[in-house]
Structures are given as C-alpha cells and as structure tokens.
Protein backbone atom coordinates (compact mmCIF):
# COMPACT_ATOMS: atom_id res chain seq x y z
CA MET A 1 12.35 -3.06 5.58
CA LYS A 2 12.98 -6.44 8.17
CA SER A 3 9.67 -6.75 9.65
CA ILE A 4 6.87 -7.38 6.53
CA LEU A 5 3.20 -7.31 7.53
CA LEU A 6 1.56 -9.34 4.99
CA HIS A 7 -2.41 -9.38 4.43
CA VAL A 8 -3.90 -12.80 3.15
CA ASP A 9 -6.93 -12.90 1.46
CA HIS A 10 -8.63 -14.76 -0.74
CA ASP A 11 -8.83 -11.75 -3.57
CA ARG A 12 -7.40 -12.27 -6.91
CA GLY A 13 -4.29 -10.16 -6.32
CA PHE A 14 -2.87 -12.19 -3.34
CA LYS A 15 -0.04 -14.10 -4.95
CA ALA A 16 0.92 -10.52 -6.71
CA ARG A 17 1.65 -9.11 -2.72
CA LEU A 18 3.27 -11.95 -1.56
CA GLN A 19 5.63 -12.02 -4.42
CA VAL A 20 6.38 -8.74 -3.49
CA ALA A 21 6.74 -9.39 0.07
CA LEU A 22 9.12 -11.72 -0.81
CA ASP A 23 11.15 -9.75 -2.94
CA ILE A 24 11.51 -7.11 -0.24
CA ALA A 25 11.99 -10.04 2.48
CA ARG A 26 14.73 -11.46 0.36
CA ALA A 27 16.49 -8.04 -0.51
CA ASN A 28 16.60 -6.88 3.37
CA ASN A 29 16.93 -9.98 5.17
CA GLY A 30 13.42 -9.39 6.43
CA HIS A 31 11.11 -11.28 7.72
CA ILE A 32 7.27 -11.73 7.05
CA THR A 33 4.25 -11.94 9.38
CA CYS A 34 1.40 -13.66 7.20
CA LEU A 35 -1.85 -12.30 8.67
CA GLN A 36 -5.28 -14.23 7.56
CA ALA A 37 -8.03 -12.61 9.14
CA VAL A 38 -11.60 -14.77 9.06
CA SER A 39 -14.99 -13.58 9.90
CA TYR A 40 -18.21 -14.84 10.06
CA ALA A 41 -20.07 -11.55 9.26
CA VAL A 42 -22.33 -12.90 6.35
CA PHE A 43 -25.49 -10.90 5.91
CA ALA A 44 -28.49 -12.06 4.08
CA PRO A 45 -31.80 -10.29 3.91
CA GLY A 46 -34.82 -12.32 5.66
CA ASP A 47 -32.45 -14.76 7.30
CA ILE A 48 -33.70 -13.65 10.99
CA TYR A 49 -32.91 -16.82 12.19
CA GLY A 50 -29.47 -17.59 11.24
CA SER A 51 -29.37 -20.52 8.85
CA ALA A 52 -27.42 -19.07 5.63
CA MET A 53 -24.83 -18.10 8.62
CA ALA A 54 -24.64 -21.14 9.61
CA ALA A 55 -23.96 -22.71 6.12
CA ALA A 56 -21.75 -20.30 5.47
CA ILE A 57 -19.53 -20.79 8.64
CA PRO A 58 -17.96 -24.29 7.64
CA VAL A 59 -17.88 -23.18 3.97
CA ILE A 60 -15.62 -20.08 5.01
CA LYS A 61 -13.21 -22.32 7.29
CA GLU A 62 -12.82 -24.88 4.61
CA ASN A 63 -11.30 -22.29 2.16
CA ALA A 64 -9.55 -20.33 5.10
CA GLU A 65 -7.81 -23.46 5.71
CA ASN A 66 -7.08 -24.66 2.23
CA LEU A 67 -5.94 -20.82 1.36
CA ARG A 68 -3.44 -21.32 4.56
CA ALA A 69 -2.14 -24.93 3.75
CA GLU A 70 -1.07 -23.79 0.22
CA ILE A 71 0.87 -21.15 0.42
CA GLU A 72 2.65 -22.51 3.70
CA THR A 73 3.65 -25.11 1.33
CA GLU A 74 4.88 -22.69 -0.94
CA LEU A 75 6.48 -20.47 2.02
CA GLU A 76 9.05 -24.00 3.16
CA HIS A 77 10.77 -23.39 -0.31
CA GLU A 78 11.15 -19.50 -0.70
CA GLY A 79 14.07 -19.23 2.01
CA VAL A 80 12.45 -16.67 3.33
CA SER A 81 11.56 -15.91 7.46
CA TRP A 82 7.99 -16.11 8.05
CA ASP A 83 5.60 -17.10 10.52
CA TRP A 84 1.55 -17.51 10.12
CA ARG A 85 -0.91 -15.98 12.38
CA PHE A 86 -4.57 -16.97 11.58
CA VAL A 87 -7.21 -14.85 13.53
CA TYR A 88 -10.45 -13.70 13.38
CA GLY A 89 -12.20 -10.70 12.65
CA MET A 90 -12.59 -8.02 10.42
CA ALA A 91 -9.04 -7.91 8.29
CA ALA A 92 -8.85 -3.74 8.90
CA GLN A 93 -8.76 -4.12 12.23
CA ARG A 94 -6.86 -6.75 13.09
CA LEU A 95 -3.91 -5.69 10.75
CA LEU A 96 -4.49 -2.38 12.73
CA GLU A 97 -3.74 -4.33 15.46
CA TYR A 98 0.00 -6.14 14.28
CA SER A 99 1.12 -3.37 12.36
CA PRO A 100 2.67 -1.09 15.11
CA LEU A 101 5.83 -3.46 15.26
CA ALA A 102 5.44 -3.72 11.41
CA ASP A 103 8.11 -1.67 9.38
CA ILE A 104 5.70 -1.82 6.44
CA VAL A 105 2.38 -3.36 5.61
CA ILE A 106 1.13 -4.68 2.25
CA VAL A 107 -2.43 -4.82 1.20
CA GLY A 108 -3.99 -5.10 -2.52
CA PRO A 109 -6.27 -2.28 -3.84
CA ALA A 110 -9.15 -4.12 -2.84
CA ALA A 111 -9.83 -7.16 -0.17
CA SER A 112 -12.64 -9.66 -0.62
CA GLY A 113 -15.97 -8.42 -0.73
CA GLU A 114 -14.77 -5.01 -2.12
CA SER A 115 -15.64 -3.79 -5.13
CA GLU A 116 -12.56 -3.28 -7.62
CA HIS A 117 -14.10 -0.12 -9.48
CA GLY A 118 -13.51 2.20 -6.42
CA PRO A 119 -11.17 2.95 -3.03
CA SER A 120 -10.96 0.24 -0.78
CA ALA A 121 -12.15 1.11 2.66
CA LEU A 122 -10.03 -1.19 4.32
CA VAL A 123 -6.80 0.81 2.40
CA GLY A 124 -7.89 3.76 3.88
CA ASP A 125 -8.59 2.59 7.56
CA LEU A 126 -4.64 1.18 7.81
CA VAL A 127 -3.62 4.57 6.19
CA LEU A 128 -4.84 6.53 8.11
CA LYS A 129 -4.78 4.73 11.62
CA SER A 130 -1.76 2.96 10.86
CA ARG A 131 2.02 4.27 12.37
CA ALA A 132 3.63 1.71 9.64
CA PRO A 133 3.75 2.75 5.88
CA VAL A 134 1.85 0.96 3.58
CA LEU A 135 2.20 -0.63 0.37
CA VAL A 136 -0.88 -1.06 -1.96
CA VAL A 137 -0.06 -3.79 -5.12
CA PRO A 138 -1.95 -3.94 -7.87
CA ALA A 139 -3.11 -7.53 -9.04
CA GLU A 140 -1.16 -7.75 -12.07
CA ALA A 141 2.00 -7.20 -10.42
CA THR A 142 4.58 -9.98 -10.86
CA GLY A 143 7.34 -8.91 -8.66
CA PHE A 144 9.25 -6.05 -7.11
CA ASP A 145 12.39 -5.09 -7.90
CA VAL A 146 14.16 -2.79 -5.16
CA SER A 147 16.66 -1.62 -7.35
CA ALA A 148 14.10 -0.24 -9.88
CA PRO A 149 13.81 3.94 -10.13
CA ALA A 150 11.31 5.28 -8.02
CA LEU A 151 9.05 8.45 -7.74
CA ILE A 152 8.54 11.13 -5.01
CA ALA A 153 4.60 12.51 -5.24
CA TRP A 154 6.07 15.96 -3.38
CA ASN A 155 3.60 18.68 -2.10
CA GLY A 156 5.68 19.66 0.69
CA SER A 157 2.75 18.34 2.74
CA SER A 158 3.29 16.49 6.80
CA GLU A 159 1.67 13.22 5.08
CA ALA A 160 4.23 13.73 1.90
CA CYS A 161 6.91 14.10 4.72
CA HIS A 162 5.62 10.46 6.52
CA ALA A 163 5.68 8.45 3.41
CA VAL A 164 8.89 9.31 2.83
CA ARG A 165 10.59 8.82 6.37
CA GLY A 166 8.75 5.57 6.10
CA ALA A 167 10.31 5.24 2.34
CA VAL A 168 13.92 5.60 3.13
CA PRO A 169 14.82 1.64 3.53
CA LEU A 170 13.32 1.37 -0.42
CA LEU A 171 14.88 4.50 -1.35
CA ALA A 172 18.14 3.52 -0.19
CA CYS A 173 17.92 0.04 -2.40
CA SER A 174 16.87 2.45 -5.72
CA CYS A 175 19.21 3.02 -8.20
CA LYS A 176 17.45 6.52 -8.83
CA VAL A 177 15.25 8.72 -7.17
CA THR A 178 13.08 11.10 -8.61
CA LEU A 179 11.43 13.94 -6.47
CA ALA A 180 8.24 15.63 -8.47
CA SER A 181 6.24 18.30 -7.55
CA ILE A 182 3.11 19.29 -9.47
CA ALA A 183 3.16 23.41 -10.30
CA GLU A 184 0.37 24.91 -9.72
CA GLU A 185 -0.32 28.14 -11.73
CA GLN A 186 -2.16 30.37 -8.87
CA ASP A 187 -1.02 28.87 -5.97
CA LYS A 188 -2.12 30.51 -2.84
CA PRO A 189 0.61 30.79 -0.55
CA ARG A 190 1.37 27.72 1.56
CA PHE A 191 3.14 26.71 4.65
CA ASP A 192 4.80 23.56 3.32
CA LEU A 193 8.17 22.33 2.92
CA PRO A 194 9.68 22.78 -0.18
CA SER A 195 11.25 19.89 -2.13
CA THR A 196 14.81 20.99 -1.38
CA GLU A 197 13.92 20.17 2.39
CA GLY A 198 12.96 16.69 1.35
CA ALA A 199 15.79 16.12 -1.07
CA ARG A 200 18.37 17.41 2.08
CA TYR A 201 16.20 14.98 4.33
CA LEU A 202 17.06 11.70 1.64
CA SER A 203 20.92 13.09 1.51
CA ARG A 204 21.31 12.94 5.08
CA HIS A 205 20.27 9.07 4.37
CA GLY A 206 22.90 8.87 1.58
CA ILE A 207 19.75 8.61 -0.56
CA ALA A 208 20.64 11.47 -3.95
CA CYS A 209 17.66 12.52 -5.80
CA GLU A 210 16.45 14.79 -8.64
CA LEU A 211 14.31 16.94 -8.05
CA VAL A 212 11.82 17.83 -10.66
CA GLU A 213 8.64 20.10 -11.26
CA ILE A 214 6.05 18.96 -13.38
CA PRO A 215 3.08 21.82 -14.75
CA ARG A 216 0.45 21.25 -13.90
CA GLY A 217 -0.81 21.20 -17.51
CA GLU A 218 -4.62 19.94 -18.25
CA ALA A 219 -4.34 16.43 -16.97
CA LYS A 220 -5.74 15.02 -13.25
CA ILE A 221 -2.56 15.15 -10.67
CA ALA A 222 -2.73 12.01 -10.47
CA ASP A 223 -2.62 10.72 -14.10
CA THR A 224 0.16 13.25 -14.47
CA LEU A 225 2.22 10.91 -11.76
CA VAL A 226 1.71 8.28 -13.16
CA SER A 227 2.90 9.35 -16.72
CA ALA A 228 6.06 10.75 -14.91
CA ALA A 229 6.59 7.75 -13.15
CA GLN A 230 6.19 5.49 -16.20
CA VAL A 231 8.48 7.64 -18.36
CA ARG A 232 11.12 6.93 -15.74
CA ASP A 233 10.38 3.18 -15.50
CA CYS A 234 9.52 3.33 -11.92
CA GLY A 235 8.87 0.65 -9.81
CA LEU A 236 7.83 2.62 -7.06
CA MET A 237 5.57 5.43 -6.28
CA VAL A 238 5.86 6.97 -2.66
CA MET A 239 3.20 9.55 -1.80
CA GLY A 240 0.97 10.92 1.29
CA ALA A 241 -2.84 9.97 1.53
CA PHE A 242 -5.40 11.97 2.45
CA GLY A 243 -3.98 15.67 2.52
CA HIS A 244 -7.65 16.56 2.51
CA THR A 245 -9.76 15.24 5.19
CA ARG A 246 -10.79 11.69 3.97
CA LEU A 247 -14.53 13.06 3.70
CA THR A 248 -13.74 14.99 0.91
CA GLU A 249 -11.85 12.78 -1.02
CA LEU A 250 -14.59 10.24 -1.16
CA LEU A 251 -17.24 12.81 -1.77
CA PHE A 252 -15.39 14.69 -4.33
CA GLY A 253 -12.49 12.67 -5.48
CA GLY A 254 -8.81 13.46 -4.97
CA VAL A 255 -5.63 12.25 -5.65
CA THR A 256 -5.44 9.28 -3.48
CA ARG A 257 -8.77 8.09 -4.39
CA GLN A 258 -7.56 7.99 -7.82
CA MET A 259 -4.55 6.28 -7.77
CA LEU A 260 -6.20 3.55 -5.01
CA THR A 261 -8.79 3.10 -7.79
CA GLU A 262 -6.82 1.52 -10.43
CA PRO A 263 -2.76 1.71 -8.91
CA PRO A 264 -0.61 0.98 -12.33
CA LEU A 265 2.52 0.19 -9.81
CA PRO A 266 2.92 -0.35 -6.42
CA ILE A 267 2.47 2.75 -4.13
CA LEU A 268 3.88 3.38 -0.61
CA LEU A 269 1.15 5.47 1.19
CA ALA A 270 1.02 6.95 4.75
CA HIS A 271 -0.79 9.75 6.48
C-alpha cells in the first residue's frame, strides 16, 4: 500500500486511524495523503436569515485549522512521507474525488455528525463508489500490526473477490491467512466461486491460506465471523460489502450493516 488516503476529522476515532495509517505506511514505505474536508452546511430550524450559519463558520474554520496544526506537528516527527489536502465540501464526495489513485482509503466507522450506533453513510458511499478498498478502523484501535493473522470472509461473490484482490498487499505481510466460509444448511445452487479459487488466486501472489468452513449454527453470520477472527487473534478482516442491494441492507439488516455498526477490528471492504 504505497498511496494511503486518510480521512481527517474531529471524530473520536481519528487518532486511531492515524496510527493505523502510520503503521501501514511504515511497513510498505508508503505515503499518506491527509484529506481534511470542511463543510459549512449548518442547519438550524427557523434560521431563515442564516444568522446561525454565519456565527458557526468562524468556529468551524478555527477548529479545522487547529486540528491541522496539531496533526501536522505530530506528523513531522513520525518519519513518514505525507501531504495535507484541505478542501471544502462533504467528506464523502471529496474522498471519492481523491480515491482513484489511492491504494487504500482509511476511515472510521462514523464521521462527525453521524450516529455512532448505526452504519456510516460515509463508509457506505465510499465502498459502493470507490475503486480503492476501504479500511474501516474502530475508534478503540491502538495500531495495526501488518504481520498479524488475517481472516477473509469468503462467500464466492464478486464483492468478496474484489476485496481479496484489493487486500493482497496487506495479506502478503500477514503471518497467517485464513479464508473462511459459512456453511449454510440449505444453500441454494449458486454460481459463486468456491473457496479453492480464492486460495488459488492468493497462491499466485505467494500467499498461502488455510481454508475453513464454519457451520452456520444459530448465531448471526457477522457474529460467527467475528468469533472466528478473535479465536485466531486476527488483526484484519477482509470482506465484500453490500452483496445485496444497499437498500435491502439498510431496511432488513445484513452482514455489512452489522459489521459497520461496531467493528471489533479493522475491516477492509470492497464492492
């Protein structure tokens, strides 16, 4: 991962994903582009003359400048190549604009102004529209050990294949890769690729992996995958996102939605 796009924001998880970005950059001799998007879209009921917005703009600008000064001072002592992009506009749109030449986009599970008790709209937009894989970092993360075991959540879908392909540089650093699939008792005939094809693809990149089939049981698929990752002391999970339509995921839930609500470990997603 040579080109790392990092979302800069005031949310409580920023320091966590900054540390993860630094760890990945050091391991790959990579470059971090810190993208700070500032929006002046302030809504106040009854503010027909824009007085609330006018009062908020200087505060928003000052907070953004203070955060930039603080992080730039810290980065100067990290020994990592980086640059800073300060732009106006909505974060999701600006990140998408800068993502085409990024090897990975690093974000948190929730941006400023979003609820921390549900999946992030910012993450959803990035995963669906960006060609680069998206790494979602929990706010509680203290770093990223690139050599730690990794778990691939495999269901043979094109989304899972895209995630594996995007994760190859990180998987190549892992000491042990597990490709796990959930066995459904009443699987309908599908045209998805078997796990052996995923293993064969990885082998061509010099990455050996263990194939594991986990019984579905009574637990939710997301919980089963998390348990499998925790048992193996994984530092990364790789999975395809929004295998069903996003509307279906939002209305009825789904593995992606469950994973993004409270991610227990860094999760690399691709659609």
